[in-house]
Amino acid sequence: GWLVFVIALPYLGVLVYLVARGKGMSERETRRARTEREAFDTYIRE
């Protein structure tokens, strides 16, 4: 649904997505970066 909305009405779709899910977007990105950093640190330690 989000993909069709963003592709069919790109400007409105992206704007609505950022308003509705923008906070979660930054949290997911932070969590992904933290996971990658921990994996990298573990690799370096080992």
ModelCIF file with pLDDT and N, C-alpha, C, O atoms, coordinates in Angstrom:
data_MODEL
#
_entry.id   MODEL 
#
_entity.id                         1 
_entity.type                       polymer 
_entity.pdbx_number_of_molecules   1 
#
_entity_poly.entity_id                      1 
_entity_poly.type                           'polypeptide(L)' 
_entity_poly.nstd_linkage                   no 
_entity_poly.nstd_monomer                   no 
_entity_poly.pdbx_seq_one_letter_code       GWLVFVIALPYLGVLVYLVARGKGMSERETRRARTEREAFDTYIRE 
_entity_poly.pdbx_seq_one_letter_code_can   GWLVFVIALPYLGVLVYLVARGKGMSERETRRARTEREAFDTYIRE 
_entity_poly.pdbx_strand_id                 A 
#
loop_
_entity_poly_seq.entity_id 
_entity_poly_seq.num 
_entity_poly_seq.mon_id 
_entity_poly_seq.hetero 
1 1  GLY n 
1 2  TRP n 
1 3  LEU n 
1 4  VAL n 
1 5  PHE n 
1 6  VAL n 
1 7  ILE n 
1 8  ALA n 
1 9  LEU n 
1 10 PRO n 
1 11 TYR n 
1 12 LEU n 
1 13 GLY n 
1 14 VAL n 
1 15 LEU n 
1 16 VAL n 
1 17 TYR n 
1 18 LEU n 
1 19 VAL n 
1 20 ALA n 
1 21 ARG n 
1 22 GLY n 
1 23 LYS n 
1 24 GLY n 
1 25 MET n 
1 26 SER n 
1 27 GLU n 
1 28 ARG n 
1 29 GLU n 
1 30 THR n 
1 31 ARG n 
1 32 ARG n 
1 33 ALA n 
1 34 ARG n 
1 35 THR n 
1 36 GLU n 
1 37 ARG n 
1 38 GLU n 
1 39 ALA n 
1 40 PHE n 
1 41 ASP n 
1 42 THR n 
1 43 TYR n 
1 44 ILE n 
1 45 ARG n 
1 46 GLU n 
#
_struct_asym.id          A 
_struct_asym.entity_id   1 
#
loop_
_ma_qa_metric.id 
_ma_qa_metric.mode 
_ma_qa_metric.name 
_ma_qa_metric.software_group_id 
_ma_qa_metric.type 
1 global pLDDT . pLDDT 
2 local  pLDDT . pLDDT 
#
_ma_qa_metric_global.metric_id      1 
_ma_qa_metric_global.metric_value   90.57 
_ma_qa_metric_global.model_id       1 
_ma_qa_metric_global.ordinal_id     1 
#
loop_
_ma_qa_metric_local.label_asym_id 
_ma_qa_metric_local.label_comp_id 
_ma_qa_metric_local.label_seq_id 
_ma_qa_metric_local.metric_id 
_ma_qa_metric_local.metric_value 
_ma_qa_metric_local.model_id 
_ma_qa_metric_local.ordinal_id 
A GLY 1  2 94.00 1 1  
A TRP 2  2 94.00 1 2  
A LEU 3  2 93.00 1 3  
A VAL 4  2 94.00 1 4  
A PHE 5  2 94.00 1 5  
A VAL 6  2 93.00 1 6  
A ILE 7  2 91.00 1 7  
A ALA 8  2 93.00 1 8  
A LEU 9  2 92.00 1 9  
A PRO 10 2 88.00 1 10 
A TYR 11 2 90.00 1 11 
A LEU 12 2 93.00 1 12 
A GLY 13 2 93.00 1 13 
A VAL 14 2 92.00 1 14 
A LEU 15 2 93.00 1 15 
A VAL 16 2 94.00 1 16 
A TYR 17 2 93.00 1 17 
A LEU 18 2 91.00 1 18 
A VAL 19 2 93.00 1 19 
A ALA 20 2 92.00 1 20 
A ARG 21 2 90.00 1 21 
A GLY 22 2 87.00 1 22 
A LYS 23 2 88.00 1 23 
A GLY 24 2 89.00 1 24 
A MET 25 2 90.00 1 25 
A SER 26 2 88.00 1 26 
A GLU 27 2 90.00 1 27 
A ARG 28 2 90.00 1 28 
A GLU 29 2 90.00 1 29 
A THR 30 2 92.00 1 30 
A ARG 31 2 91.00 1 31 
A ARG 32 2 91.00 1 32 
A ALA 33 2 93.00 1 33 
A ARG 34 2 94.00 1 34 
A THR 35 2 93.00 1 35 
A GLU 36 2 93.00 1 36 
A ARG 37 2 93.00 1 37 
A GLU 38 2 93.00 1 38 
A ALA 39 2 92.00 1 39 
A PHE 40 2 90.00 1 40 
A ASP 41 2 87.00 1 41 
A THR 42 2 87.00 1 42 
A TYR 43 2 85.00 1 43 
A ILE 44 2 83.00 1 44 
A ARG 45 2 79.00 1 45 
A GLU 46 2 78.00 1 46 
#
loop_
_atom_site.group_PDB 
_atom_site.id 
_atom_site.type_symbol 
_atom_site.label_atom_id 
_atom_site.label_alt_id 
_atom_site.label_comp_id 
_atom_site.label_asym_id 
_atom_site.label_entity_id 
_atom_site.label_seq_id 
_atom_site.pdbx_PDB_ins_code 
_atom_site.Cartn_x 
_atom_site.Cartn_y 
_atom_site.Cartn_z 
_atom_site.occupancy 
_atom_site.B_iso_or_equiv 
_atom_site.pdbx_formal_charge 
_atom_site.auth_seq_id 
_atom_site.auth_comp_id 
_atom_site.auth_asym_id 
_atom_site.auth_atom_id 
_atom_site.pdbx_PDB_model_num 
ATOM 1   N N  . GLY A 1 1  ? 0.816  -1.219  0.000  1.00 94.00 ? 1  GLY A N  1 
ATOM 2   C CA . GLY A 1 1  ? 0.000  0.000   0.000  1.00 94.00 ? 1  GLY A CA 1 
ATOM 3   C C  . GLY A 1 1  ? 0.842  1.260   0.000  1.00 94.00 ? 1  GLY A C  1 
ATOM 4   O O  . GLY A 1 1  ? 0.601  2.169   -0.794 1.00 94.00 ? 1  GLY A O  1 
ATOM 5   N N  . TRP A 1 2  ? 1.836  1.323   0.889  1.00 94.00 ? 2  TRP A N  1 
ATOM 6   C CA . TRP A 1 2  ? 2.709  2.491   0.932  1.00 94.00 ? 2  TRP A CA 1 
ATOM 7   C C  . TRP A 1 2  ? 3.487  2.646   -0.371 1.00 94.00 ? 2  TRP A C  1 
ATOM 8   O O  . TRP A 1 2  ? 3.668  3.762   -0.859 1.00 94.00 ? 2  TRP A O  1 
ATOM 9   N N  . LEU A 1 3  ? 3.942  1.545   -0.929 1.00 93.00 ? 3  LEU A N  1 
ATOM 10  C CA . LEU A 1 3  ? 4.702  1.608   -2.172 1.00 93.00 ? 3  LEU A CA 1 
ATOM 11  C C  . LEU A 1 3  ? 3.846  2.125   -3.324 1.00 93.00 ? 3  LEU A C  1 
ATOM 12  O O  . LEU A 1 3  ? 4.296  2.966   -4.102 1.00 93.00 ? 3  LEU A O  1 
ATOM 13  N N  . VAL A 1 4  ? 2.623  1.631   -3.436 1.00 94.00 ? 4  VAL A N  1 
ATOM 14  C CA . VAL A 1 4  ? 1.720  2.115   -4.490 1.00 94.00 ? 4  VAL A CA 1 
ATOM 15  C C  . VAL A 1 4  ? 1.418  3.591   -4.269 1.00 94.00 ? 4  VAL A C  1 
ATOM 16  O O  . VAL A 1 4  ? 1.398  4.362   -5.228 1.00 94.00 ? 4  VAL A O  1 
ATOM 17  N N  . PHE A 1 5  ? 1.183  3.996   -3.034 1.00 94.00 ? 5  PHE A N  1 
ATOM 18  C CA . PHE A 1 5  ? 0.881  5.392   -2.724 1.00 94.00 ? 5  PHE A CA 1 
ATOM 19  C C  . PHE A 1 5  ? 2.062  6.294   -3.074 1.00 94.00 ? 5  PHE A C  1 
ATOM 20  O O  . PHE A 1 5  ? 1.877  7.371   -3.642 1.00 94.00 ? 5  PHE A O  1 
ATOM 21  N N  . VAL A 1 6  ? 3.262  5.858   -2.740 1.00 93.00 ? 6  VAL A N  1 
ATOM 22  C CA . VAL A 1 6  ? 4.453  6.676   -3.004 1.00 93.00 ? 6  VAL A CA 1 
ATOM 23  C C  . VAL A 1 6  ? 4.760  6.739   -4.505 1.00 93.00 ? 6  VAL A C  1 
ATOM 24  O O  . VAL A 1 6  ? 5.241  7.761   -4.994 1.00 93.00 ? 6  VAL A O  1 
ATOM 25  N N  . ILE A 1 7  ? 4.487  5.662   -5.231 1.00 91.00 ? 7  ILE A N  1 
ATOM 26  C CA . ILE A 1 7  ? 4.766  5.667   -6.667 1.00 91.00 ? 7  ILE A CA 1 
ATOM 27  C C  . ILE A 1 7  ? 3.667  6.382   -7.448 1.00 91.00 ? 7  ILE A C  1 
ATOM 28  O O  . ILE A 1 7  ? 3.959  7.118   -8.390 1.00 91.00 ? 7  ILE A O  1 
ATOM 29  N N  . ALA A 1 8  ? 2.389  6.168   -7.061 1.00 93.00 ? 8  ALA A N  1 
ATOM 30  C CA . ALA A 1 8  ? 1.270  6.770   -7.802 1.00 93.00 ? 8  ALA A CA 1 
ATOM 31  C C  . ALA A 1 8  ? 1.182  8.277   -7.576 1.00 93.00 ? 8  ALA A C  1 
ATOM 32  O O  . ALA A 1 8  ? 0.987  9.040   -8.523 1.00 93.00 ? 8  ALA A O  1 
ATOM 33  N N  . LEU A 1 9  ? 1.322  8.694   -6.351 1.00 92.00 ? 9  LEU A N  1 
ATOM 34  C CA . LEU A 1 9  ? 1.279  10.123  -6.008 1.00 92.00 ? 9  LEU A CA 1 
ATOM 35  C C  . LEU A 1 9  ? 2.556  10.459  -5.253 1.00 92.00 ? 9  LEU A C  1 
ATOM 36  O O  . LEU A 1 9  ? 2.535  10.577  -4.028 1.00 92.00 ? 9  LEU A O  1 
ATOM 37  N N  . PRO A 1 10 ? 3.661  10.613  -5.959 1.00 88.00 ? 10 PRO A N  1 
ATOM 38  C CA . PRO A 1 10 ? 4.964  10.683  -5.281 1.00 88.00 ? 10 PRO A CA 1 
ATOM 39  C C  . PRO A 1 10 ? 5.093  11.818  -4.274 1.00 88.00 ? 10 PRO A C  1 
ATOM 40  O O  . PRO A 1 10 ? 5.522  11.579  -3.145 1.00 88.00 ? 10 PRO A O  1 
ATOM 41  N N  . TYR A 1 11 ? 4.742  13.025  -4.637 1.00 90.00 ? 11 TYR A N  1 
ATOM 42  C CA . TYR A 1 11 ? 4.934  14.137  -3.703 1.00 90.00 ? 11 TYR A CA 1 
ATOM 43  C C  . TYR A 1 11 ? 4.038  13.996  -2.485 1.00 90.00 ? 11 TYR A C  1 
ATOM 44  O O  . TYR A 1 11 ? 4.500  14.133  -1.352 1.00 90.00 ? 11 TYR A O  1 
ATOM 45  N N  . LEU A 1 12 ? 2.768  13.726  -2.711 1.00 93.00 ? 12 LEU A N  1 
ATOM 46  C CA . LEU A 1 12 ? 1.831  13.555  -1.608 1.00 93.00 ? 12 LEU A CA 1 
ATOM 47  C C  . LEU A 1 12 ? 2.163  12.297  -0.807 1.00 93.00 ? 12 LEU A C  1 
ATOM 48  O O  . LEU A 1 12 ? 2.097  12.307  0.422  1.00 93.00 ? 12 LEU A O  1 
ATOM 49  N N  . GLY A 1 13 ? 2.521  11.212  -1.503 1.00 93.00 ? 13 GLY A N  1 
ATOM 50  C CA . GLY A 1 13 ? 2.836  9.961   -0.826 1.00 93.00 ? 13 GLY A CA 1 
ATOM 51  C C  . GLY A 1 13 ? 4.035  10.087  0.104  1.00 93.00 ? 13 GLY A C  1 
ATOM 52  O O  . GLY A 1 13 ? 4.000  9.608   1.237  1.00 93.00 ? 13 GLY A O  1 
ATOM 53  N N  . VAL A 1 14 ? 5.091  10.729  -0.371 1.00 92.00 ? 14 VAL A N  1 
ATOM 54  C CA . VAL A 1 14 ? 6.286  10.904  0.460  1.00 92.00 ? 14 VAL A CA 1 
ATOM 55  C C  . VAL A 1 14 ? 5.991  11.830  1.629  1.00 92.00 ? 14 VAL A C  1 
ATOM 56  O O  . VAL A 1 14 ? 6.426  11.574  2.752  1.00 92.00 ? 14 VAL A O  1 
ATOM 57  N N  . LEU A 1 15 ? 5.253  12.905  1.372  1.00 93.00 ? 15 LEU A N  1 
ATOM 58  C CA . LEU A 1 15 ? 4.905  13.833  2.448  1.00 93.00 ? 15 LEU A CA 1 
ATOM 59  C C  . LEU A 1 15 ? 4.071  13.146  3.521  1.00 93.00 ? 15 LEU A C  1 
ATOM 60  O O  . LEU A 1 15 ? 4.345  13.309  4.710  1.00 93.00 ? 15 LEU A O  1 
ATOM 61  N N  . VAL A 1 16 ? 3.059  12.381  3.122  1.00 94.00 ? 16 VAL A N  1 
ATOM 62  C CA . VAL A 1 16 ? 2.217  11.671  4.091  1.00 94.00 ? 16 VAL A CA 1 
ATOM 63  C C  . VAL A 1 16 ? 3.038  10.619  4.839  1.00 94.00 ? 16 VAL A C  1 
ATOM 64  O O  . VAL A 1 16 ? 2.873  10.451  6.047  1.00 94.00 ? 16 VAL A O  1 
ATOM 65  N N  . TYR A 1 17 ? 3.918  9.913   4.132  1.00 93.00 ? 17 TYR A N  1 
ATOM 66  C CA . TYR A 1 17 ? 4.753  8.906   4.784  1.00 93.00 ? 17 TYR A CA 1 
ATOM 67  C C  . TYR A 1 17 ? 5.652  9.547   5.841  1.00 93.00 ? 17 TYR A C  1 
ATOM 68  O O  . TYR A 1 17 ? 5.795  9.018   6.943  1.00 93.00 ? 17 TYR A O  1 
ATOM 69  N N  . LEU A 1 18 ? 6.251  10.680  5.505  1.00 91.00 ? 18 LEU A N  1 
ATOM 70  C CA . LEU A 1 18 ? 7.139  11.346  6.464  1.00 91.00 ? 18 LEU A CA 1 
ATOM 71  C C  . LEU A 1 18 ? 6.372  11.845  7.680  1.00 91.00 ? 18 LEU A C  1 
ATOM 72  O O  . LEU A 1 18 ? 6.881  11.793  8.799  1.00 91.00 ? 18 LEU A O  1 
ATOM 73  N N  . VAL A 1 19 ? 5.167  12.323  7.472  1.00 93.00 ? 19 VAL A N  1 
ATOM 74  C CA . VAL A 1 19 ? 4.361  12.789  8.606  1.00 93.00 ? 19 VAL A CA 1 
ATOM 75  C C  . VAL A 1 19 ? 3.910  11.607  9.453  1.00 93.00 ? 19 VAL A C  1 
ATOM 76  O O  . VAL A 1 19 ? 3.985  11.658  10.680 1.00 93.00 ? 19 VAL A O  1 
ATOM 77  N N  . ALA A 1 20 ? 3.440  10.540  8.803  1.00 92.00 ? 20 ALA A N  1 
ATOM 78  C CA . ALA A 1 20 ? 2.874  9.409   9.535  1.00 92.00 ? 20 ALA A CA 1 
ATOM 79  C C  . ALA A 1 20 ? 3.948  8.524   10.168 1.00 92.00 ? 20 ALA A C  1 
ATOM 80  O O  . ALA A 1 20 ? 3.755  8.029   11.279 1.00 92.00 ? 20 ALA A O  1 
ATOM 81  N N  . ARG A 1 21 ? 5.051  8.319   9.497  1.00 90.00 ? 21 ARG A N  1 
ATOM 82  C CA . ARG A 1 21 ? 6.030  7.343   9.965  1.00 90.00 ? 21 ARG A CA 1 
ATOM 83  C C  . ARG A 1 21 ? 7.440  7.903   10.076 1.00 90.00 ? 21 ARG A C  1 
ATOM 84  O O  . ARG A 1 21 ? 8.395  7.133   10.170 1.00 90.00 ? 21 ARG A O  1 
ATOM 85  N N  . GLY A 1 22 ? 7.592  9.204   10.069 1.00 87.00 ? 22 GLY A N  1 
ATOM 86  C CA . GLY A 1 22 ? 8.915  9.824   10.103 1.00 87.00 ? 22 GLY A CA 1 
ATOM 87  C C  . GLY A 1 22 ? 9.703  9.521   11.355 1.00 87.00 ? 22 GLY A C  1 
ATOM 88  O O  . GLY A 1 22 ? 10.906 9.269   11.281 1.00 87.00 ? 22 GLY A O  1 
ATOM 89  N N  . LYS A 1 23 ? 9.044  9.541   12.518 1.00 88.00 ? 23 LYS A N  1 
ATOM 90  C CA . LYS A 1 23 ? 9.755  9.268   13.767 1.00 88.00 ? 23 LYS A CA 1 
ATOM 91  C C  . LYS A 1 23 ? 10.263 7.831   13.803 1.00 88.00 ? 23 LYS A C  1 
ATOM 92  O O  . LYS A 1 23 ? 11.400 7.579   14.202 1.00 88.00 ? 23 LYS A O  1 
ATOM 93  N N  . GLY A 1 24 ? 9.429  6.903   13.391 1.00 89.00 ? 24 GLY A N  1 
ATOM 94  C CA . GLY A 1 24 ? 9.837  5.508   13.344 1.00 89.00 ? 24 GLY A CA 1 
ATOM 95  C C  . GLY A 1 24 ? 10.953 5.280   12.334 1.00 89.00 ? 24 GLY A C  1 
ATOM 96  O O  . GLY A 1 24 ? 11.785 4.387   12.500 1.00 89.00 ? 24 GLY A O  1 
ATOM 97  N N  . MET A 1 25 ? 10.961 6.096   11.291 1.00 90.00 ? 25 MET A N  1 
ATOM 98  C CA . MET A 1 25 ? 11.992 5.996   10.263 1.00 90.00 ? 25 MET A CA 1 
ATOM 99  C C  . MET A 1 25 ? 13.363 6.277   10.869 1.00 90.00 ? 25 MET A C  1 
ATOM 100 O O  . MET A 1 25 ? 14.319 5.550   10.600 1.00 90.00 ? 25 MET A O  1 
ATOM 101 N N  . SER A 1 26 ? 13.465 7.307   11.667 1.00 88.00 ? 26 SER A N  1 
ATOM 102 C CA . SER A 1 26 ? 14.750 7.636   12.286 1.00 88.00 ? 26 SER A CA 1 
ATOM 103 C C  . SER A 1 26 ? 15.142 6.592   13.332 1.00 88.00 ? 26 SER A C  1 
ATOM 104 O O  . SER A 1 26 ? 16.323 6.275   13.469 1.00 88.00 ? 26 SER A O  1 
ATOM 105 N N  . GLU A 1 27 ? 14.170 6.055   14.068 1.00 90.00 ? 27 GLU A N  1 
ATOM 106 C CA . GLU A 1 27 ? 14.469 5.025   15.055 1.00 90.00 ? 27 GLU A CA 1 
ATOM 107 C C  . GLU A 1 27 ? 14.978 3.744   14.394 1.00 90.00 ? 27 GLU A C  1 
ATOM 108 O O  . GLU A 1 27 ? 15.914 3.113   14.883 1.00 90.00 ? 27 GLU A O  1 
ATOM 109 N N  . ARG A 1 28 ? 14.353 3.367   13.279 1.00 90.00 ? 28 ARG A N  1 
ATOM 110 C CA . ARG A 1 28 ? 14.811 2.176   12.559 1.00 90.00 ? 28 ARG A CA 1 
ATOM 111 C C  . ARG A 1 28 ? 16.215 2.373   12.012 1.00 90.00 ? 28 ARG A C  1 
ATOM 112 O O  . ARG A 1 28 ? 17.032 1.453   12.054 1.00 90.00 ? 28 ARG A O  1 
ATOM 113 N N  . GLU A 1 29 ? 16.503 3.557   11.504 1.00 90.00 ? 29 GLU A N  1 
ATOM 114 C CA . GLU A 1 29 ? 17.834 3.839   10.972 1.00 90.00 ? 29 GLU A CA 1 
ATOM 115 C C  . GLU A 1 29 ? 18.882 3.817   12.088 1.00 90.00 ? 29 GLU A C  1 
ATOM 116 O O  . GLU A 1 29 ? 19.984 3.304   11.900 1.00 90.00 ? 29 GLU A O  1 
ATOM 117 N N  . THR A 1 30 ? 18.534 4.373   13.243 1.00 92.00 ? 30 THR A N  1 
ATOM 118 C CA . THR A 1 30 ? 19.447 4.365   14.395 1.00 92.00 ? 30 THR A CA 1 
ATOM 119 C C  . THR A 1 30 ? 19.700 2.945   14.868 1.00 92.00 ? 30 THR A C  1 
ATOM 120 O O  . THR A 1 30 ? 20.838 2.579   15.162 1.00 92.00 ? 30 THR A O  1 
ATOM 121 N N  . ARG A 1 31 ? 18.637 2.138   14.944 1.00 91.00 ? 31 ARG A N  1 
ATOM 122 C CA . ARG A 1 31 ? 18.781 0.748   15.376 1.00 91.00 ? 31 ARG A CA 1 
ATOM 123 C C  . ARG A 1 31 ? 19.644 -0.048  14.395 1.00 91.00 ? 31 ARG A C  1 
ATOM 124 O O  . ARG A 1 31 ? 20.475 -0.854  14.813 1.00 91.00 ? 31 ARG A O  1 
ATOM 125 N N  . ARG A 1 32 ? 19.448 0.175   13.091 1.00 91.00 ? 32 ARG A N  1 
ATOM 126 C CA . ARG A 1 32 ? 20.246 -0.512  12.078 1.00 91.00 ? 32 ARG A CA 1 
ATOM 127 C C  . ARG A 1 32 ? 21.718 -0.112  12.186 1.00 91.00 ? 32 ARG A C  1 
ATOM 128 O O  . ARG A 1 32 ? 22.602 -0.965  12.102 1.00 91.00 ? 32 ARG A O  1 
ATOM 129 N N  . ALA A 1 33 ? 21.980 1.176   12.371 1.00 93.00 ? 33 ALA A N  1 
ATOM 130 C CA . ALA A 1 33 ? 23.364 1.649   12.501 1.00 93.00 ? 33 ALA A CA 1 
ATOM 131 C C  . ALA A 1 33 ? 24.011 1.079   13.752 1.00 93.00 ? 33 ALA A C  1 
ATOM 132 O O  . ALA A 1 33 ? 25.181 0.696   13.723 1.00 93.00 ? 33 ALA A O  1 
ATOM 133 N N  . ARG A 1 34 ? 23.261 1.017   14.858 1.00 94.00 ? 34 ARG A N  1 
ATOM 134 C CA . ARG A 1 34 ? 23.803 0.472   16.099 1.00 94.00 ? 34 ARG A CA 1 
ATOM 135 C C  . ARG A 1 34 ? 24.130 -1.013  15.937 1.00 94.00 ? 34 ARG A C  1 
ATOM 136 O O  . ARG A 1 34 ? 25.168 -1.473  16.413 1.00 94.00 ? 34 ARG A O  1 
ATOM 137 N N  . THR A 1 35 ? 23.252 -1.763  15.268 1.00 93.00 ? 35 THR A N  1 
ATOM 138 C CA . THR A 1 35 ? 23.482 -3.187  15.048 1.00 93.00 ? 35 THR A CA 1 
ATOM 139 C C  . THR A 1 35 ? 24.724 -3.405  14.193 1.00 93.00 ? 35 THR A C  1 
ATOM 140 O O  . THR A 1 35 ? 25.542 -4.276  14.487 1.00 93.00 ? 35 THR A O  1 
ATOM 141 N N  . GLU A 1 36 ? 24.862 -2.612  13.135 1.00 93.00 ? 36 GLU A N  1 
ATOM 142 C CA . GLU A 1 36 ? 26.046 -2.737  12.288 1.00 93.00 ? 36 GLU A CA 1 
ATOM 143 C C  . GLU A 1 36 ? 27.314 -2.371  13.044 1.00 93.00 ? 36 GLU A C  1 
ATOM 144 O O  . GLU A 1 36 ? 28.350 -3.010  12.863 1.00 93.00 ? 36 GLU A O  1 
ATOM 145 N N  . ARG A 1 37 ? 27.242 -1.348  13.890 1.00 93.00 ? 37 ARG A N  1 
ATOM 146 C CA . ARG A 1 37 ? 28.411 -0.939  14.669 1.00 93.00 ? 37 ARG A CA 1 
ATOM 147 C C  . ARG A 1 37 ? 28.813 -2.022  15.661 1.00 93.00 ? 37 ARG A C  1 
ATOM 148 O O  . ARG A 1 37 ? 29.999 -2.306  15.831 1.00 93.00 ? 37 ARG A O  1 
ATOM 149 N N  . GLU A 1 38 ? 27.819 -2.630  16.317 1.00 93.00 ? 38 GLU A N  1 
ATOM 150 C CA . GLU A 1 38 ? 28.122 -3.699  17.261 1.00 93.00 ? 38 GLU A CA 1 
ATOM 151 C C  . GLU A 1 38 ? 28.739 -4.903  16.552 1.00 93.00 ? 38 GLU A C  1 
ATOM 152 O O  . GLU A 1 38 ? 29.666 -5.524  17.072 1.00 93.00 ? 38 GLU A O  1 
ATOM 153 N N  . ALA A 1 39 ? 28.226 -5.233  15.367 1.00 92.00 ? 39 ALA A N  1 
ATOM 154 C CA . ALA A 1 39 ? 28.794 -6.347  14.608 1.00 92.00 ? 39 ALA A CA 1 
ATOM 155 C C  . ALA A 1 39 ? 30.229 -6.031  14.198 1.00 92.00 ? 39 ALA A C  1 
ATOM 156 O O  . ALA A 1 39 ? 31.097 -6.902  14.257 1.00 92.00 ? 39 ALA A O  1 
ATOM 157 N N  . PHE A 1 40 ? 30.482 -4.799  13.786 1.00 90.00 ? 40 PHE A N  1 
ATOM 158 C CA . PHE A 1 40 ? 31.837 -4.395  13.412 1.00 90.00 ? 40 PHE A CA 1 
ATOM 159 C C  . PHE A 1 40 ? 32.778 -4.447  14.610 1.00 90.00 ? 40 PHE A C  1 
ATOM 160 O O  . PHE A 1 40 ? 33.896 -4.953  14.506 1.00 90.00 ? 40 PHE A O  1 
ATOM 161 N N  . ASP A 1 41 ? 32.321 -3.918  15.759 1.00 87.00 ? 41 ASP A N  1 
ATOM 162 C CA . ASP A 1 41 ? 33.157 -3.948  16.962 1.00 87.00 ? 41 ASP A CA 1 
ATOM 163 C C  . ASP A 1 41 ? 33.455 -5.377  17.402 1.00 87.00 ? 41 ASP A C  1 
ATOM 164 O O  . ASP A 1 41 ? 34.573 -5.683  17.818 1.00 87.00 ? 41 ASP A O  1 
ATOM 165 N N  . THR A 1 42 ? 32.457 -6.248  17.310 1.00 87.00 ? 42 THR A N  1 
ATOM 166 C CA . THR A 1 42 ? 32.670 -7.650  17.664 1.00 87.00 ? 42 THR A CA 1 
ATOM 167 C C  . THR A 1 42 ? 33.687 -8.289  16.745 1.00 87.00 ? 42 THR A C  1 
ATOM 168 O O  . THR A 1 42 ? 34.557 -9.036  17.192 1.00 87.00 ? 42 THR A O  1 
ATOM 169 N N  . TYR A 1 43 ? 33.580 -7.997  15.459 1.00 85.00 ? 43 TYR A N  1 
ATOM 170 C CA . TYR A 1 43 ? 34.543 -8.538  14.492 1.00 85.00 ? 43 TYR A CA 1 
ATOM 171 C C  . TYR A 1 43 ? 35.957 -8.056  14.807 1.00 85.00 ? 43 TYR A C  1 
ATOM 172 O O  . TYR A 1 43 ? 36.904 -8.842  14.786 1.00 85.00 ? 43 TYR A O  1 
ATOM 173 N N  . ILE A 1 44 ? 36.096 -6.765  15.099 1.00 83.00 ? 44 ILE A N  1 
ATOM 174 C CA . ILE A 1 44 ? 37.419 -6.214  15.418 1.00 83.00 ? 44 ILE A CA 1 
ATOM 175 C C  . ILE A 1 44 ? 37.975 -6.853  16.683 1.00 83.00 ? 44 ILE A C  1 
ATOM 176 O O  . ILE A 1 44 ? 39.150 -7.218  16.730 1.00 83.00 ? 44 ILE A O  1 
ATOM 177 N N  . ARG A 1 45 ? 37.132 -6.992  17.713 1.00 79.00 ? 45 ARG A N  1 
ATOM 178 C CA . ARG A 1 45 ? 37.598 -7.600  18.962 1.00 79.00 ? 45 ARG A CA 1 
ATOM 179 C C  . ARG A 1 45 ? 38.054 -9.035  18.749 1.00 79.00 ? 45 ARG A C  1 
ATOM 180 O O  . ARG A 1 45 ? 39.068 -9.456  19.304 1.00 79.00 ? 45 ARG A O  1 
ATOM 181 N N  . GLU A 1 46 ? 37.299 -9.793  17.938 1.00 78.00 ? 46 GLU A N  1 
ATOM 182 C CA . GLU A 1 46 ? 37.660 -11.184 17.709 1.00 78.00 ? 46 GLU A CA 1 
ATOM 183 C C  . GLU A 1 46 ? 38.905 -11.309 16.836 1.00 78.00 ? 46 GLU A C  1 
ATOM 184 O O  . GLU A 1 46 ? 39.346 -12.421 16.546 1.00 78.00 ? 46 GLU A O  1 
#
